N, C-alpha and C. Protein backbone atom coordinates (compact mmCIF):
# COMPACT_ATOMS: atom_id res chain seq x y z
N UNK A 1 40.99 30.59 88.06
CA UNK A 1 39.53 30.66 88.18
C UNK A 1 39.01 31.94 87.54
N UNK A 2 37.81 31.91 86.95
CA UNK A 2 37.21 33.14 86.42
C UNK A 2 36.96 34.14 87.54
N UNK A 3 36.91 35.42 87.15
CA UNK A 3 36.64 36.48 88.12
C UNK A 3 35.16 36.49 88.48
N UNK A 4 34.87 36.92 89.70
CA UNK A 4 33.48 37.01 90.16
C UNK A 4 32.67 37.89 89.21
N UNK A 5 31.43 37.51 88.97
CA UNK A 5 30.58 38.23 88.02
C UNK A 5 30.02 39.50 88.64
N UNK A 6 29.80 40.53 87.81
CA UNK A 6 29.11 41.73 88.31
C UNK A 6 27.72 41.35 88.80
N UNK A 7 27.17 42.18 89.66
CA UNK A 7 25.85 41.90 90.22
C UNK A 7 24.82 41.80 89.10
N UNK A 8 24.04 40.74 89.12
CA UNK A 8 22.94 40.55 88.19
C UNK A 8 21.70 40.29 89.03
N UNK A 9 20.52 40.72 88.59
CA UNK A 9 19.31 40.55 89.41
C UNK A 9 19.05 39.11 89.82
N UNK A 10 19.22 38.15 88.88
CA UNK A 10 18.93 36.76 89.22
C UNK A 10 19.94 36.20 90.21
N UNK A 11 21.20 36.61 90.09
CA UNK A 11 22.21 36.11 91.02
C UNK A 11 21.99 36.71 92.41
N UNK A 12 21.55 37.95 92.46
CA UNK A 12 21.25 38.55 93.76
C UNK A 12 20.06 37.85 94.41
N UNK A 13 19.09 37.46 93.60
CA UNK A 13 17.95 36.71 94.15
C UNK A 13 18.42 35.36 94.70
N UNK A 14 19.36 34.73 94.03
CA UNK A 14 19.90 33.46 94.52
C UNK A 14 20.51 33.67 95.91
N UNK A 15 21.26 34.76 96.07
CA UNK A 15 21.91 35.02 97.35
C UNK A 15 20.88 35.32 98.43
N UNK A 16 19.81 36.02 98.04
CA UNK A 16 18.74 36.30 99.00
C UNK A 16 18.07 35.01 99.45
N UNK A 17 17.80 34.12 98.51
CA UNK A 17 17.23 32.81 98.87
C UNK A 17 18.14 32.10 99.86
N UNK A 18 19.44 32.16 99.59
CA UNK A 18 20.41 31.48 100.44
C UNK A 18 20.40 32.09 101.85
N UNK A 19 20.39 33.42 101.91
CA UNK A 19 20.38 34.11 103.21
C UNK A 19 19.16 33.74 104.04
N UNK A 20 18.03 33.50 103.37
CA UNK A 20 16.79 33.21 104.06
C UNK A 20 16.53 31.71 104.22
N UNK A 21 17.50 30.90 103.81
CA UNK A 21 17.35 29.45 103.93
C UNK A 21 16.29 28.88 103.02
N UNK A 22 15.96 29.59 101.96
CA UNK A 22 14.93 29.14 101.03
C UNK A 22 15.57 28.48 99.82
N UNK A 23 16.10 27.29 100.02
CA UNK A 23 16.68 26.56 98.90
C UNK A 23 16.54 25.06 99.13
N UNK A 24 16.55 24.33 98.01
CA UNK A 24 16.52 22.88 98.05
C UNK A 24 17.66 22.37 97.17
N UNK A 25 18.05 21.12 97.39
CA UNK A 25 19.11 20.52 96.58
C UNK A 25 18.56 19.27 95.89
N UNK A 26 19.10 18.96 94.74
CA UNK A 26 18.68 17.78 94.00
C UNK A 26 19.30 16.52 94.59
N UNK A 27 18.82 15.37 94.13
CA UNK A 27 19.42 14.10 94.56
C UNK A 27 20.87 14.01 94.13
N UNK A 28 21.19 14.56 92.95
CA UNK A 28 22.58 14.59 92.50
C UNK A 28 23.46 15.26 93.54
N UNK A 29 23.01 16.40 94.02
CA UNK A 29 23.78 17.16 95.01
C UNK A 29 23.87 16.38 96.32
N UNK A 30 22.77 15.79 96.74
CA UNK A 30 22.77 15.04 97.99
C UNK A 30 23.77 13.88 97.94
N UNK A 31 23.83 13.21 96.81
CA UNK A 31 24.79 12.10 96.67
C UNK A 31 26.23 12.63 96.71
N UNK A 32 26.47 13.79 96.12
CA UNK A 32 27.81 14.39 96.17
C UNK A 32 28.18 14.75 97.61
N UNK A 33 27.20 15.25 98.37
CA UNK A 33 27.44 15.57 99.78
C UNK A 33 27.76 14.30 100.56
N UNK A 34 27.05 13.21 100.26
CA UNK A 34 27.25 11.96 101.00
C UNK A 34 28.64 11.38 100.76
N UNK A 35 29.18 11.58 99.56
CA UNK A 35 30.51 11.04 99.27
C UNK A 35 31.62 11.94 99.81
N UNK A 36 31.28 13.17 100.19
CA UNK A 36 32.29 14.10 100.69
C UNK A 36 33.00 14.88 99.60
N UNK A 37 32.61 14.64 98.34
CA UNK A 37 33.26 15.36 97.24
C UNK A 37 32.98 16.86 97.32
N UNK A 38 31.75 17.19 97.72
CA UNK A 38 31.32 18.58 97.79
C UNK A 38 30.71 18.81 99.17
N UNK A 39 30.88 20.01 99.70
CA UNK A 39 30.26 20.40 100.95
C UNK A 39 29.29 21.56 100.70
N UNK A 40 28.32 21.71 101.59
CA UNK A 40 27.38 22.81 101.44
C UNK A 40 28.09 24.15 101.39
N UNK A 41 29.19 24.28 102.16
CA UNK A 41 29.94 25.54 102.16
C UNK A 41 30.51 25.85 100.79
N UNK A 42 30.87 24.83 100.01
CA UNK A 42 31.39 25.04 98.66
C UNK A 42 30.30 25.58 97.74
N UNK A 43 29.09 25.02 97.86
CA UNK A 43 27.97 25.50 97.04
C UNK A 43 27.59 26.92 97.42
N UNK A 44 27.58 27.20 98.71
CA UNK A 44 27.25 28.56 99.16
C UNK A 44 28.29 29.55 98.66
N UNK A 45 29.56 29.15 98.67
CA UNK A 45 30.62 30.04 98.17
C UNK A 45 30.41 30.35 96.69
N UNK A 46 30.02 29.33 95.92
CA UNK A 46 29.80 29.54 94.48
C UNK A 46 28.66 30.51 94.25
N UNK A 47 27.60 30.39 95.04
CA UNK A 47 26.44 31.27 94.86
C UNK A 47 26.73 32.68 95.34
N UNK A 48 27.46 32.82 96.42
CA UNK A 48 27.72 34.14 97.00
C UNK A 48 28.78 34.93 96.23
N UNK A 49 29.83 34.26 95.78
CA UNK A 49 30.94 35.02 95.17
C UNK A 49 31.49 34.37 93.90
N UNK A 50 30.74 33.42 93.33
CA UNK A 50 31.22 32.73 92.14
C UNK A 50 31.08 33.54 90.87
N UNK A 51 31.80 33.11 89.85
CA UNK A 51 31.71 33.73 88.53
C UNK A 51 30.68 32.99 87.69
N UNK A 52 29.85 33.74 87.00
CA UNK A 52 28.87 33.14 86.10
C UNK A 52 29.60 32.73 84.82
N UNK A 53 29.61 31.43 84.54
CA UNK A 53 30.36 30.97 83.36
C UNK A 53 29.44 30.46 82.24
N UNK A 54 28.22 30.06 82.58
CA UNK A 54 27.30 29.61 81.54
C UNK A 54 25.86 29.87 81.97
N UNK A 55 25.00 30.13 80.98
CA UNK A 55 23.56 30.20 81.20
C UNK A 55 22.92 29.10 80.36
N UNK A 56 22.18 28.22 80.99
CA UNK A 56 21.55 27.10 80.30
C UNK A 56 20.05 27.35 80.17
N UNK A 57 19.53 27.15 78.97
CA UNK A 57 18.10 27.30 78.73
C UNK A 57 17.53 25.98 78.26
N UNK A 58 16.48 25.54 78.94
CA UNK A 58 15.82 24.29 78.58
C UNK A 58 14.34 24.55 78.44
N UNK A 59 13.72 24.10 77.34
CA UNK A 59 12.31 24.41 77.12
C UNK A 59 11.38 23.88 78.21
N UNK A 60 11.81 22.81 78.91
CA UNK A 60 10.96 22.24 79.96
C UNK A 60 11.37 22.72 81.35
N UNK A 61 12.68 22.86 81.56
CA UNK A 61 13.16 23.16 82.91
C UNK A 61 13.49 24.64 83.13
N UNK A 62 13.40 25.45 82.08
CA UNK A 62 13.65 26.87 82.24
C UNK A 62 15.13 27.23 82.20
N UNK A 63 15.49 28.32 82.85
CA UNK A 63 16.84 28.87 82.81
C UNK A 63 17.59 28.52 84.09
N UNK A 64 18.83 28.10 83.94
CA UNK A 64 19.69 27.86 85.09
C UNK A 64 21.04 28.51 84.84
N UNK A 65 21.78 28.75 85.92
CA UNK A 65 23.05 29.45 85.83
C UNK A 65 24.15 28.60 86.46
N UNK A 66 25.26 28.48 85.73
CA UNK A 66 26.40 27.70 86.21
C UNK A 66 27.44 28.66 86.77
N UNK A 67 27.78 28.48 88.04
CA UNK A 67 28.71 29.36 88.74
C UNK A 67 29.97 28.60 89.12
N UNK A 68 31.10 29.28 89.07
CA UNK A 68 32.39 28.67 89.40
C UNK A 68 33.06 29.46 90.51
N UNK A 69 33.71 28.75 91.42
CA UNK A 69 34.39 29.39 92.53
C UNK A 69 35.54 28.51 92.98
N UNK A 70 36.49 29.11 93.71
CA UNK A 70 37.54 28.34 94.35
C UNK A 70 37.24 28.27 95.84
N UNK A 71 37.15 27.06 96.37
CA UNK A 71 36.83 26.86 97.78
C UNK A 71 37.68 25.70 98.29
N UNK A 72 38.23 25.86 99.48
CA UNK A 72 39.12 24.83 100.04
C UNK A 72 40.26 24.49 99.09
N UNK A 73 40.72 25.51 98.36
CA UNK A 73 41.82 25.36 97.39
C UNK A 73 41.47 24.45 96.23
N UNK A 74 40.18 24.25 95.97
CA UNK A 74 39.72 23.44 94.86
C UNK A 74 38.70 24.23 94.04
N UNK A 75 38.62 23.96 92.73
CA UNK A 75 37.56 24.60 91.94
C UNK A 75 36.24 23.85 92.14
N UNK A 76 35.15 24.59 92.21
CA UNK A 76 33.83 23.99 92.34
C UNK A 76 32.86 24.68 91.39
N UNK A 77 31.92 23.91 90.89
CA UNK A 77 30.82 24.45 90.11
C UNK A 77 29.51 24.19 90.85
N UNK A 78 28.58 25.10 90.72
CA UNK A 78 27.22 24.90 91.22
C UNK A 78 26.26 25.44 90.17
N UNK A 79 25.30 24.62 89.79
CA UNK A 79 24.28 25.05 88.83
C UNK A 79 22.98 25.29 89.59
N UNK A 80 22.39 26.47 89.39
CA UNK A 80 21.24 26.90 90.18
C UNK A 80 20.12 27.38 89.27
N UNK A 81 18.91 27.30 89.80
CA UNK A 81 17.74 27.81 89.09
C UNK A 81 16.71 28.25 90.11
N UNK A 82 15.79 29.11 89.67
CA UNK A 82 14.69 29.52 90.54
C UNK A 82 13.55 28.53 90.41
N UNK A 83 13.12 27.96 91.53
CA UNK A 83 12.00 27.04 91.51
C UNK A 83 10.68 27.77 91.39
N UNK A 84 9.65 27.04 90.99
CA UNK A 84 8.35 27.65 90.80
C UNK A 84 7.68 28.02 92.13
N UNK A 85 8.22 27.50 93.24
CA UNK A 85 7.61 27.77 94.55
C UNK A 85 8.38 28.83 95.33
N UNK A 86 9.13 29.68 94.64
CA UNK A 86 9.82 30.76 95.31
C UNK A 86 11.01 30.33 96.12
N UNK A 87 11.70 29.30 95.67
CA UNK A 87 12.91 28.84 96.33
C UNK A 87 14.00 28.58 95.29
N UNK A 88 15.21 28.64 95.76
CA UNK A 88 16.35 28.33 94.91
C UNK A 88 16.52 26.82 94.82
N UNK A 89 16.82 26.34 93.63
CA UNK A 89 17.10 24.92 93.43
C UNK A 89 18.57 24.79 93.03
N UNK A 90 19.35 24.06 93.82
CA UNK A 90 20.74 23.76 93.45
C UNK A 90 20.70 22.42 92.72
N UNK A 91 20.92 22.46 91.42
CA UNK A 91 20.71 21.30 90.56
C UNK A 91 21.91 20.36 90.58
N UNK A 92 23.09 20.93 90.41
CA UNK A 92 24.33 20.15 90.40
C UNK A 92 25.39 20.89 91.19
N UNK A 93 26.35 20.14 91.71
CA UNK A 93 27.56 20.73 92.29
C UNK A 93 28.66 19.68 92.20
N UNK A 94 29.82 20.08 91.71
CA UNK A 94 30.87 19.11 91.45
C UNK A 94 32.20 19.84 91.28
N UNK A 95 33.27 19.05 91.23
CA UNK A 95 34.61 19.56 90.94
C UNK A 95 34.83 19.42 89.43
N UNK A 96 34.99 20.51 88.69
CA UNK A 96 35.18 20.39 87.24
C UNK A 96 36.50 19.71 86.91
N UNK A 97 36.48 18.84 85.92
CA UNK A 97 37.69 18.09 85.59
C UNK A 97 37.67 17.70 84.12
N UNK A 98 38.82 17.28 83.62
CA UNK A 98 38.91 16.72 82.29
C UNK A 98 38.08 15.44 82.24
N UNK A 99 37.55 15.06 81.09
CA UNK A 99 37.74 15.70 79.79
C UNK A 99 36.73 16.79 79.48
N UNK A 100 35.72 16.99 80.33
CA UNK A 100 34.69 17.98 80.01
C UNK A 100 35.25 19.39 80.10
N UNK A 101 36.06 19.67 81.13
CA UNK A 101 36.55 21.03 81.37
C UNK A 101 38.05 21.12 81.13
N UNK A 102 38.44 22.01 80.20
CA UNK A 102 39.86 22.26 79.95
C UNK A 102 40.45 23.03 81.13
N UNK A 103 39.69 23.99 81.64
CA UNK A 103 40.04 24.74 82.85
C UNK A 103 38.74 24.86 83.65
N UNK A 104 38.80 25.30 84.91
CA UNK A 104 37.56 25.44 85.68
C UNK A 104 36.53 26.38 85.07
N UNK A 105 36.98 27.27 84.19
CA UNK A 105 36.04 28.21 83.59
C UNK A 105 35.80 28.03 82.11
N UNK A 106 36.40 26.99 81.53
CA UNK A 106 36.27 26.82 80.07
C UNK A 106 36.12 25.34 79.73
N UNK A 107 35.07 25.05 78.97
CA UNK A 107 34.84 23.67 78.55
C UNK A 107 35.88 23.23 77.53
N UNK A 108 36.17 21.96 77.52
CA UNK A 108 37.01 21.37 76.49
C UNK A 108 36.15 21.17 75.24
N UNK A 109 36.51 21.77 74.12
CA UNK A 109 35.67 21.67 72.92
C UNK A 109 35.39 20.23 72.51
N UNK A 110 36.30 19.32 72.81
CA UNK A 110 36.12 17.92 72.41
C UNK A 110 35.68 17.04 73.58
N UNK A 111 35.34 17.64 74.69
CA UNK A 111 35.06 16.84 75.87
C UNK A 111 33.60 16.71 76.23
N UNK A 112 32.69 17.24 75.40
CA UNK A 112 31.27 17.22 75.77
C UNK A 112 30.47 16.24 74.93
N UNK A 113 31.15 15.46 74.11
CA UNK A 113 30.45 14.46 73.32
C UNK A 113 30.53 13.13 74.02
N UNK A 114 29.72 12.19 73.55
CA UNK A 114 29.77 10.85 74.13
C UNK A 114 31.18 10.30 73.96
N UNK A 115 31.67 9.56 74.95
CA UNK A 115 33.07 9.19 74.96
C UNK A 115 33.37 7.83 74.36
N UNK A 116 32.34 7.01 74.14
CA UNK A 116 32.64 5.71 73.54
C UNK A 116 31.59 5.26 72.54
N UNK A 117 30.64 6.08 72.21
CA UNK A 117 29.66 5.73 71.21
C UNK A 117 28.50 4.89 71.74
N UNK A 118 28.70 4.22 72.86
CA UNK A 118 27.63 3.37 73.40
C UNK A 118 26.56 4.19 74.09
N UNK A 119 26.95 5.33 74.64
CA UNK A 119 26.01 6.15 75.40
C UNK A 119 25.93 7.55 74.79
N UNK A 120 24.75 8.16 74.80
CA UNK A 120 24.62 9.54 74.32
C UNK A 120 25.15 10.52 75.37
N UNK A 121 25.14 11.79 75.01
CA UNK A 121 25.49 12.81 76.00
C UNK A 121 24.49 12.75 77.14
N UNK A 122 24.93 13.21 78.31
CA UNK A 122 24.06 13.18 79.49
C UNK A 122 22.81 14.02 79.24
N UNK A 123 21.66 13.44 79.51
CA UNK A 123 20.39 14.13 79.31
C UNK A 123 20.26 15.34 80.21
N UNK A 124 20.81 15.24 81.43
CA UNK A 124 20.61 16.28 82.43
C UNK A 124 21.53 17.47 82.24
N UNK A 125 22.83 17.22 81.97
CA UNK A 125 23.77 18.34 81.92
C UNK A 125 24.52 18.45 80.61
N UNK A 126 24.38 17.48 79.71
CA UNK A 126 25.08 17.54 78.43
C UNK A 126 26.52 17.10 78.49
N UNK A 127 26.96 16.58 79.63
CA UNK A 127 28.34 16.15 79.78
C UNK A 127 28.64 14.86 79.03
N UNK A 128 29.92 14.56 78.88
CA UNK A 128 30.34 13.34 78.24
C UNK A 128 30.08 12.14 79.14
N UNK A 129 29.76 11.00 78.53
CA UNK A 129 29.47 9.77 79.28
C UNK A 129 30.49 8.72 78.91
N UNK A 130 31.14 8.15 79.92
CA UNK A 130 32.15 7.13 79.67
C UNK A 130 31.71 5.80 80.26
N UNK A 131 32.23 4.71 79.68
CA UNK A 131 31.90 3.37 80.15
C UNK A 131 32.69 3.07 81.42
N UNK A 132 32.00 2.58 82.44
CA UNK A 132 32.62 2.23 83.72
C UNK A 132 31.99 0.94 84.23
N UNK A 133 32.57 0.42 85.30
CA UNK A 133 31.96 -0.68 86.04
C UNK A 133 31.61 -0.14 87.42
N UNK A 134 30.32 -0.17 87.77
CA UNK A 134 29.86 0.35 89.05
C UNK A 134 30.10 -0.70 90.12
N UNK A 135 30.90 -0.35 91.12
CA UNK A 135 31.24 -1.31 92.16
C UNK A 135 30.04 -1.74 92.97
N UNK A 136 29.19 -0.79 93.34
CA UNK A 136 27.99 -1.09 94.13
C UNK A 136 26.83 -0.24 93.63
N UNK A 137 25.78 -0.87 93.18
CA UNK A 137 24.58 -0.16 92.78
C UNK A 137 23.44 -0.66 93.67
N UNK A 138 22.80 0.24 94.41
CA UNK A 138 21.76 -0.19 95.33
C UNK A 138 20.38 0.21 94.82
N UNK A 139 19.42 -0.65 95.10
CA UNK A 139 18.04 -0.36 94.73
C UNK A 139 17.12 -1.05 95.73
N UNK A 140 15.87 -0.64 95.76
CA UNK A 140 14.90 -1.24 96.68
C UNK A 140 13.73 -1.81 95.90
N UNK A 141 13.24 -2.95 96.41
CA UNK A 141 12.06 -3.57 95.84
C UNK A 141 11.28 -4.20 96.98
N UNK A 142 10.00 -3.85 97.06
CA UNK A 142 9.13 -4.36 98.13
C UNK A 142 9.74 -4.15 99.51
N UNK A 143 10.37 -3.00 99.70
CA UNK A 143 10.94 -2.67 101.00
C UNK A 143 12.27 -3.31 101.30
N UNK A 144 12.81 -4.10 100.39
CA UNK A 144 14.09 -4.76 100.61
C UNK A 144 15.19 -4.07 99.82
N UNK A 145 16.35 -3.97 100.43
CA UNK A 145 17.50 -3.33 99.79
C UNK A 145 18.35 -4.38 99.09
N UNK A 146 18.69 -4.10 97.84
CA UNK A 146 19.55 -4.99 97.06
C UNK A 146 20.78 -4.20 96.62
N UNK A 147 21.94 -4.84 96.67
CA UNK A 147 23.18 -4.23 96.20
C UNK A 147 23.72 -5.10 95.07
N UNK A 148 23.83 -4.52 93.89
CA UNK A 148 24.33 -5.25 92.73
C UNK A 148 25.75 -4.77 92.46
N UNK A 149 26.67 -5.70 92.37
CA UNK A 149 28.08 -5.36 92.21
C UNK A 149 28.53 -5.57 90.77
N UNK A 150 29.50 -4.76 90.38
CA UNK A 150 30.18 -4.90 89.09
C UNK A 150 29.22 -4.77 87.91
N UNK A 151 28.37 -3.75 87.96
CA UNK A 151 27.44 -3.51 86.86
C UNK A 151 28.07 -2.61 85.81
N UNK A 152 28.06 -3.02 84.55
CA UNK A 152 28.55 -2.13 83.49
C UNK A 152 27.58 -0.97 83.29
N UNK A 153 28.13 0.21 83.14
CA UNK A 153 27.27 1.40 83.04
C UNK A 153 27.98 2.50 82.28
N UNK A 154 27.24 3.55 81.99
CA UNK A 154 27.82 4.78 81.48
C UNK A 154 27.75 5.82 82.58
N UNK A 155 28.83 6.53 82.80
CA UNK A 155 28.90 7.52 83.87
C UNK A 155 29.17 8.89 83.29
N UNK A 156 28.30 9.86 83.61
CA UNK A 156 28.54 11.24 83.19
C UNK A 156 29.72 11.79 83.99
N UNK A 157 30.76 12.21 83.30
CA UNK A 157 31.96 12.69 83.99
C UNK A 157 31.76 14.07 84.59
N UNK A 158 30.61 14.69 84.30
CA UNK A 158 30.37 16.03 84.84
C UNK A 158 29.46 16.00 86.06
N UNK A 159 28.29 15.37 85.95
CA UNK A 159 27.33 15.42 87.07
C UNK A 159 27.19 14.09 87.79
N UNK A 160 27.74 13.00 87.24
CA UNK A 160 27.71 11.72 87.93
C UNK A 160 26.49 10.87 87.65
N UNK A 161 25.58 11.31 86.80
CA UNK A 161 24.42 10.49 86.45
C UNK A 161 24.88 9.19 85.78
N UNK A 162 24.19 8.09 86.07
CA UNK A 162 24.56 6.79 85.51
C UNK A 162 23.51 6.34 84.50
N UNK A 163 23.97 5.64 83.47
CA UNK A 163 23.09 5.10 82.44
C UNK A 163 23.41 3.62 82.26
N UNK A 164 22.34 2.81 82.05
CA UNK A 164 22.51 1.37 81.92
C UNK A 164 21.84 0.90 80.63
N UNK A 165 22.53 0.01 79.91
CA UNK A 165 21.94 -0.57 78.72
C UNK A 165 20.71 -1.39 79.10
N UNK A 166 19.79 -1.53 78.16
CA UNK A 166 18.56 -2.27 78.43
C UNK A 166 18.85 -3.70 78.88
N UNK A 167 19.87 -4.33 78.27
CA UNK A 167 20.20 -5.71 78.62
C UNK A 167 20.68 -5.81 80.07
N UNK A 168 21.40 -4.78 80.53
CA UNK A 168 21.89 -4.78 81.91
C UNK A 168 20.72 -4.65 82.89
N UNK A 169 19.78 -3.74 82.57
CA UNK A 169 18.61 -3.57 83.43
C UNK A 169 17.78 -4.84 83.48
N UNK A 170 17.64 -5.50 82.33
CA UNK A 170 16.86 -6.74 82.29
C UNK A 170 17.54 -7.84 83.11
N UNK A 171 18.87 -7.95 82.99
CA UNK A 171 19.60 -8.97 83.74
C UNK A 171 19.51 -8.71 85.24
N UNK A 172 19.58 -7.46 85.64
CA UNK A 172 19.46 -7.12 87.06
C UNK A 172 18.11 -7.56 87.59
N UNK A 173 17.06 -7.29 86.83
CA UNK A 173 15.71 -7.67 87.25
C UNK A 173 15.60 -9.19 87.38
N UNK A 174 16.19 -9.91 86.43
CA UNK A 174 16.14 -11.38 86.46
C UNK A 174 16.86 -11.93 87.69
N UNK A 175 18.02 -11.37 88.01
CA UNK A 175 18.79 -11.86 89.16
C UNK A 175 18.04 -11.64 90.47
N UNK A 176 17.39 -10.48 90.59
CA UNK A 176 16.63 -10.19 91.80
C UNK A 176 15.43 -11.13 91.90
N UNK A 177 14.71 -11.30 90.78
CA UNK A 177 13.52 -12.16 90.78
C UNK A 177 13.90 -13.60 91.13
N UNK A 178 15.07 -14.05 90.65
CA UNK A 178 15.50 -15.43 90.88
C UNK A 178 16.15 -15.62 92.25
N UNK A 179 16.42 -14.51 92.93
CA UNK A 179 17.05 -14.60 94.24
C UNK A 179 18.47 -15.12 94.18
N UNK A 180 19.18 -14.78 93.12
CA UNK A 180 20.55 -15.26 92.96
C UNK A 180 21.52 -14.33 93.68
N UNK A 181 21.50 -14.42 95.01
CA UNK A 181 22.32 -13.55 95.82
C UNK A 181 23.65 -14.25 96.13
N UNK A 182 24.74 -13.54 95.98
CA UNK A 182 26.06 -14.13 96.22
C UNK A 182 26.53 -13.93 97.65
N UNK A 183 25.95 -12.95 98.35
CA UNK A 183 26.38 -12.68 99.72
C UNK A 183 25.36 -11.77 100.39
N UNK A 184 25.51 -11.61 101.69
CA UNK A 184 24.70 -10.67 102.46
C UNK A 184 25.62 -9.74 103.23
N UNK A 185 25.32 -8.43 103.19
CA UNK A 185 26.15 -7.44 103.87
C UNK A 185 25.30 -6.66 104.85
N UNK A 186 25.94 -6.18 105.91
CA UNK A 186 25.24 -5.30 106.84
C UNK A 186 25.36 -3.86 106.36
N UNK A 187 24.42 -3.04 106.77
CA UNK A 187 24.42 -1.64 106.35
C UNK A 187 24.26 -0.74 107.56
N UNK A 188 24.90 0.42 107.54
CA UNK A 188 24.72 1.43 108.57
C UNK A 188 23.44 2.21 108.27
N UNK A 189 22.56 2.29 109.26
CA UNK A 189 21.27 2.93 109.06
C UNK A 189 21.21 4.20 109.91
N UNK A 190 20.79 5.30 109.29
CA UNK A 190 20.63 6.57 110.00
C UNK A 190 19.17 6.98 109.90
N UNK A 191 18.57 7.31 111.03
CA UNK A 191 17.19 7.77 111.05
C UNK A 191 17.17 9.28 111.24
N UNK A 192 16.63 9.95 110.25
CA UNK A 192 16.52 11.41 110.29
C UNK A 192 15.12 11.72 110.77
N UNK A 193 14.98 12.13 112.05
CA UNK A 193 13.64 12.28 112.61
C UNK A 193 13.01 13.60 112.19
N UNK A 194 11.71 13.73 112.51
CA UNK A 194 10.95 14.89 112.04
C UNK A 194 11.39 16.20 112.67
N UNK A 195 12.10 16.13 113.80
CA UNK A 195 12.57 17.35 114.46
C UNK A 195 13.89 17.84 113.87
N UNK A 196 14.40 17.10 112.90
CA UNK A 196 15.65 17.52 112.27
C UNK A 196 16.88 17.01 112.98
N UNK A 197 16.70 16.11 113.96
CA UNK A 197 17.83 15.54 114.66
C UNK A 197 18.24 14.25 113.98
N UNK A 198 19.53 14.00 113.92
CA UNK A 198 20.02 12.78 113.30
C UNK A 198 20.31 11.76 114.39
N UNK A 199 19.68 10.59 114.27
CA UNK A 199 19.90 9.52 115.22
C UNK A 199 20.40 8.29 114.48
N UNK A 200 21.40 7.65 115.05
CA UNK A 200 21.92 6.44 114.43
C UNK A 200 21.18 5.23 115.00
N UNK A 201 20.64 4.41 114.10
CA UNK A 201 19.92 3.22 114.54
C UNK A 201 20.91 2.21 115.12
N UNK A 202 20.51 1.57 116.19
CA UNK A 202 21.40 0.59 116.84
C UNK A 202 20.83 -0.81 116.60
């Protein structure tokens, strides 16, 4: 793993935000937390004692910093930025792996391009996108939950963003409109109340 970075003003501000609980996470991060791949403690470790390995500049989204750390005997990355409302934004958090990363602190020179020609590089993080079959893709329409199985897609191997060809999106819409459902499944529902308590719906 790379060595921890010397103190920098922006990184110290990130730590201050963390200490004061002034941070938000993206949907990407929330999905990683839900799968168990990443824990909040891993992201906090990256921000508090991680090494700065990249600085990303985007004309629309501003500057973000990619930090690397070892937590729970695994390498983790967390990408952070300062939000316009005086809070830290944790944009991505993941376990770095091939083909994008040769090591936890160094990108693979040949691993950041599109991996099969069908999909471009990831719009959000620039990672390589590979063709996969998504086992379960869920979406909502008119308050109803639909689960589409075995959808061909492109998957960013770095941040997990998914991309679908136009024909796939059109076919999904047609199947939902036609009501061509192959099965019905039950789902576990959790109600997160306004007081911050988690209650399981029965």
